[in-house]
């Protein structure tokens, strides 16, 4: 029996739904149960995490809020899948200082690549706040966003941002680029 990191007590479940992470350059694989509904704060404040890959269809997942919050050595992330019930990605990469580039639903090479269907995500508040190494971001494919509050605030190295998609439901852009 293999143990995981608190997400579930054994590595069982569908191998197509998994998280591959690297702690101190050693790979660790987490397989997720199909009915998991939250990955909120999963790796919060983990300075050893440098790389993460999340792939699969997560039909019950509702939150990725603060998933990598304050992972100060995180430099590479891939998220690829379908997330039909996901509603929040707020603070997902808050204070991930080593991420240099982000591509959401775009084929550009980036340190953080996020691909998939996000039909119900309404909140990406402070998603990249204090990502002081972030230089470029391409954000595409969100259909239901309501808040962009502080999404790129305090990203002191930010040079380029490209946003496309349906922003007709956005009601809050407060502090979107504060001190960036």
Protein backbone atom coordinates (compact mmCIF):
# COMPACT_ATOMS: atom_id res chain seq x y z
CA UNK A 1 0.00 0.00 0.00
CA UNK A 2 1.46 3.37 -1.04
CA UNK A 3 0.71 6.44 1.02
CA UNK A 4 -0.02 9.86 -0.37
CA UNK A 5 0.13 13.29 1.21
CA UNK A 6 -3.12 13.59 3.12
CA UNK A 7 -5.38 13.92 0.09
CA UNK A 8 -6.41 10.33 0.52
CA UNK A 9 -4.74 7.61 2.53
CA UNK A 10 -3.81 5.35 -0.36
CA UNK A 11 -3.05 5.70 -4.03
CA UNK A 12 -6.18 4.24 -5.48
CA UNK A 13 -8.67 5.51 -7.96
CA UNK A 14 -8.65 6.29 -11.64
CA UNK A 15 -5.04 6.72 -12.86
CA UNK A 16 -6.30 9.19 -15.49
CA UNK A 17 -7.13 11.56 -12.62
CA UNK A 18 -3.83 12.24 -10.95
CA UNK A 19 -1.46 14.85 -9.64
CA UNK A 20 2.27 14.51 -10.19
CA UNK A 21 4.28 16.74 -7.89
CA UNK A 22 7.94 17.22 -7.14
CA UNK A 23 9.25 17.76 -3.62
CA UNK A 24 12.96 18.45 -3.48
CA UNK A 25 13.24 17.15 -7.08
CA UNK A 26 11.65 13.79 -6.23
CA UNK A 27 8.41 12.93 -8.04
CA UNK A 28 5.36 12.08 -5.97
CA UNK A 29 2.14 10.92 -7.63
CA UNK A 30 -1.28 11.41 -6.12
CA UNK A 31 -4.29 9.70 -7.60
CA UNK A 32 -7.59 11.32 -6.85
CA UNK A 33 -10.95 9.82 -6.09
CA UNK A 34 -13.48 10.67 -8.77
CA UNK A 35 -15.86 12.27 -6.25
CA UNK A 36 -13.37 14.76 -4.75
CA UNK A 37 -14.93 18.23 -4.74
CA UNK A 38 -12.13 20.47 -3.52
CA UNK A 39 -8.38 20.89 -3.95
CA UNK A 40 -8.45 24.16 -1.99
CA UNK A 41 -5.20 24.89 -0.14
CA UNK A 42 -3.86 21.45 -1.09
CA UNK A 43 -0.22 22.58 -1.27
CA UNK A 44 -0.61 25.88 0.61
CA UNK A 45 2.69 27.29 1.88
CA UNK A 46 4.78 24.34 0.66
CA UNK A 47 8.21 25.76 -0.11
CA UNK A 48 9.50 22.34 -1.29
CA UNK A 49 7.05 22.06 -4.17
CA UNK A 50 8.75 22.94 -7.48
CA UNK A 51 6.64 21.22 -10.15
CA UNK A 52 3.06 19.96 -10.44
CA UNK A 53 1.01 18.28 -13.18
CA UNK A 54 -2.75 17.78 -12.88
CA UNK A 55 -4.55 15.85 -15.60
CA UNK A 56 -7.96 14.28 -16.07
CA UNK A 57 -11.67 14.87 -15.87
CA UNK A 58 -12.78 16.07 -12.48
CA UNK A 59 -16.56 15.96 -12.65
CA UNK A 60 -17.19 16.82 -8.98
CA UNK A 61 -14.40 19.37 -8.41
CA UNK A 62 -15.72 22.79 -7.33
CA UNK A 63 -12.68 24.61 -5.92
CA UNK A 64 -8.98 25.07 -6.64
CA UNK A 65 -8.87 28.10 -4.37
CA UNK A 66 -5.42 28.72 -2.86
CA UNK A 67 -4.25 25.38 -4.23
CA UNK A 68 -0.63 26.56 -4.67
CA UNK A 69 -0.86 29.63 -2.42
CA UNK A 70 2.61 30.66 -1.19
CA UNK A 71 4.47 27.81 -2.92
CA UNK A 72 7.45 30.10 -3.35
CA UNK A 73 9.62 27.59 -5.27
CA UNK A 74 6.92 26.44 -7.67
CA UNK A 75 8.28 27.09 -11.15
CA UNK A 76 6.34 24.69 -13.40
CA UNK A 77 2.64 23.77 -13.44
CA UNK A 78 0.47 21.94 -15.95
CA UNK A 79 -3.30 21.66 -15.45
CA UNK A 80 -5.11 19.81 -18.23
CA UNK A 81 -8.65 18.47 -18.03
CA UNK A 82 -12.35 19.06 -17.84
CA UNK A 83 -13.76 20.83 -14.82
CA UNK A 84 -17.53 21.18 -15.38
CA UNK A 85 -18.44 22.13 -11.76
CA UNK A 86 -15.36 24.21 -10.90
CA UNK A 87 -16.41 27.69 -9.73
CA UNK A 88 -13.37 29.22 -8.05
CA UNK A 89 -9.67 29.48 -8.75
CA UNK A 90 -9.21 32.44 -6.39
CA UNK A 91 -5.69 32.82 -4.96
CA UNK A 92 -4.65 29.66 -6.84
CA UNK A 93 -1.08 30.89 -7.49
CA UNK A 94 -0.94 33.65 -4.87
CA UNK A 95 2.71 34.44 -4.09
CA UNK A 96 4.19 31.84 -6.45
CA UNK A 97 7.22 33.99 -7.09
CA UNK A 98 9.08 31.73 -9.55
CA UNK A 99 6.36 31.43 -12.18
CA UNK A 100 7.50 33.58 -15.11
CA UNK A 101 4.74 32.98 -17.66
CA UNK A 102 1.15 31.74 -17.70
CA UNK A 103 -0.95 30.42 -20.59
CA UNK A 104 -4.60 29.57 -19.96
CA UNK A 105 -6.19 27.80 -22.94
CA UNK A 106 -3.47 28.87 -25.33
CA UNK A 107 -0.77 26.90 -27.13
CA UNK A 108 2.07 29.21 -26.12
CA UNK A 109 4.83 27.62 -24.06
CA UNK A 110 4.69 28.82 -20.45
CA UNK A 111 5.83 27.90 -16.93
CA UNK A 112 2.18 27.57 -15.89
CA UNK A 113 -0.04 25.98 -18.53
CA UNK A 114 -3.74 25.54 -17.84
CA UNK A 115 -5.96 23.86 -20.43
CA UNK A 116 -9.50 22.63 -20.21
CA UNK A 117 -13.14 23.44 -20.05
CA UNK A 118 -14.06 25.90 -17.29
CA UNK A 119 -17.71 26.72 -18.06
CA UNK A 120 -18.70 27.65 -14.49
CA UNK A 121 -15.64 29.42 -13.08
CA UNK A 122 -16.87 32.76 -11.73
CA UNK A 123 -14.01 33.75 -9.44
CA UNK A 124 -10.30 34.14 -10.21
CA UNK A 125 -9.78 36.88 -7.61
CA UNK A 126 -6.09 37.38 -6.75
CA UNK A 127 -5.21 34.29 -8.80
CA UNK A 128 -1.66 35.59 -9.49
CA UNK A 129 -1.38 38.23 -6.75
CA UNK A 130 2.21 38.70 -5.55
CA UNK A 131 3.63 36.52 -8.34
CA UNK A 132 6.56 38.90 -8.45
CA UNK A 133 8.43 36.96 -11.17
CA UNK A 134 5.43 36.82 -13.53
CA UNK A 135 6.32 38.54 -16.81
CA UNK A 136 3.54 37.48 -19.19
CA UNK A 137 0.04 36.05 -19.00
CA UNK A 138 -2.42 34.83 -21.61
CA UNK A 139 -5.90 34.19 -20.25
CA UNK A 140 -8.52 32.63 -22.55
CA UNK A 141 -11.60 30.45 -22.37
CA UNK A 142 -13.48 31.50 -19.25
CA UNK A 143 -17.20 31.79 -19.97
CA UNK A 144 -18.77 32.85 -16.66
CA UNK A 145 -16.25 35.09 -14.88
CA UNK A 146 -17.71 37.61 -12.44
CA UNK A 147 -14.63 38.89 -10.61
CA UNK A 148 -11.13 39.79 -11.72
CA UNK A 149 -10.39 41.63 -8.48
CA UNK A 150 -6.65 41.81 -7.81
CA UNK A 151 -5.88 39.04 -10.30
CA UNK A 152 -2.50 40.55 -11.30
CA UNK A 153 -1.90 42.91 -8.38
CA UNK A 154 1.65 43.20 -7.05
CA UNK A 155 3.10 41.35 -10.05
CA UNK A 156 6.06 43.72 -10.23
CA UNK A 157 7.71 42.14 -13.31
CA UNK A 158 4.51 41.91 -15.38
CA UNK A 159 5.04 43.21 -18.91
CA UNK A 160 2.34 41.60 -21.07
CA UNK A 161 -1.23 40.46 -20.46
CA UNK A 162 -3.63 39.13 -23.08
CA UNK A 163 -7.25 38.53 -22.08
CA UNK A 164 -9.89 37.09 -24.37
CA UNK A 165 -13.22 35.42 -23.88
CA UNK A 166 -16.63 36.37 -22.59
CA UNK A 167 -16.30 39.02 -19.90
CA UNK A 168 -19.93 40.19 -20.07
CA UNK A 169 -20.65 38.91 -16.52
CA UNK A 170 -17.62 40.59 -14.89
CA UNK A 171 -18.72 43.02 -12.20
CA UNK A 172 -15.45 43.53 -10.33
CA UNK A 173 -12.06 44.55 -11.72
CA UNK A 174 -10.99 46.40 -8.59
CA UNK A 175 -7.20 46.39 -8.02
CA UNK A 176 -6.75 44.11 -11.04
CA UNK A 177 -3.27 45.53 -11.77
CA UNK A 178 -2.50 47.27 -8.47
CA UNK A 179 1.25 47.94 -8.08
CA UNK A 180 2.07 45.91 -11.19
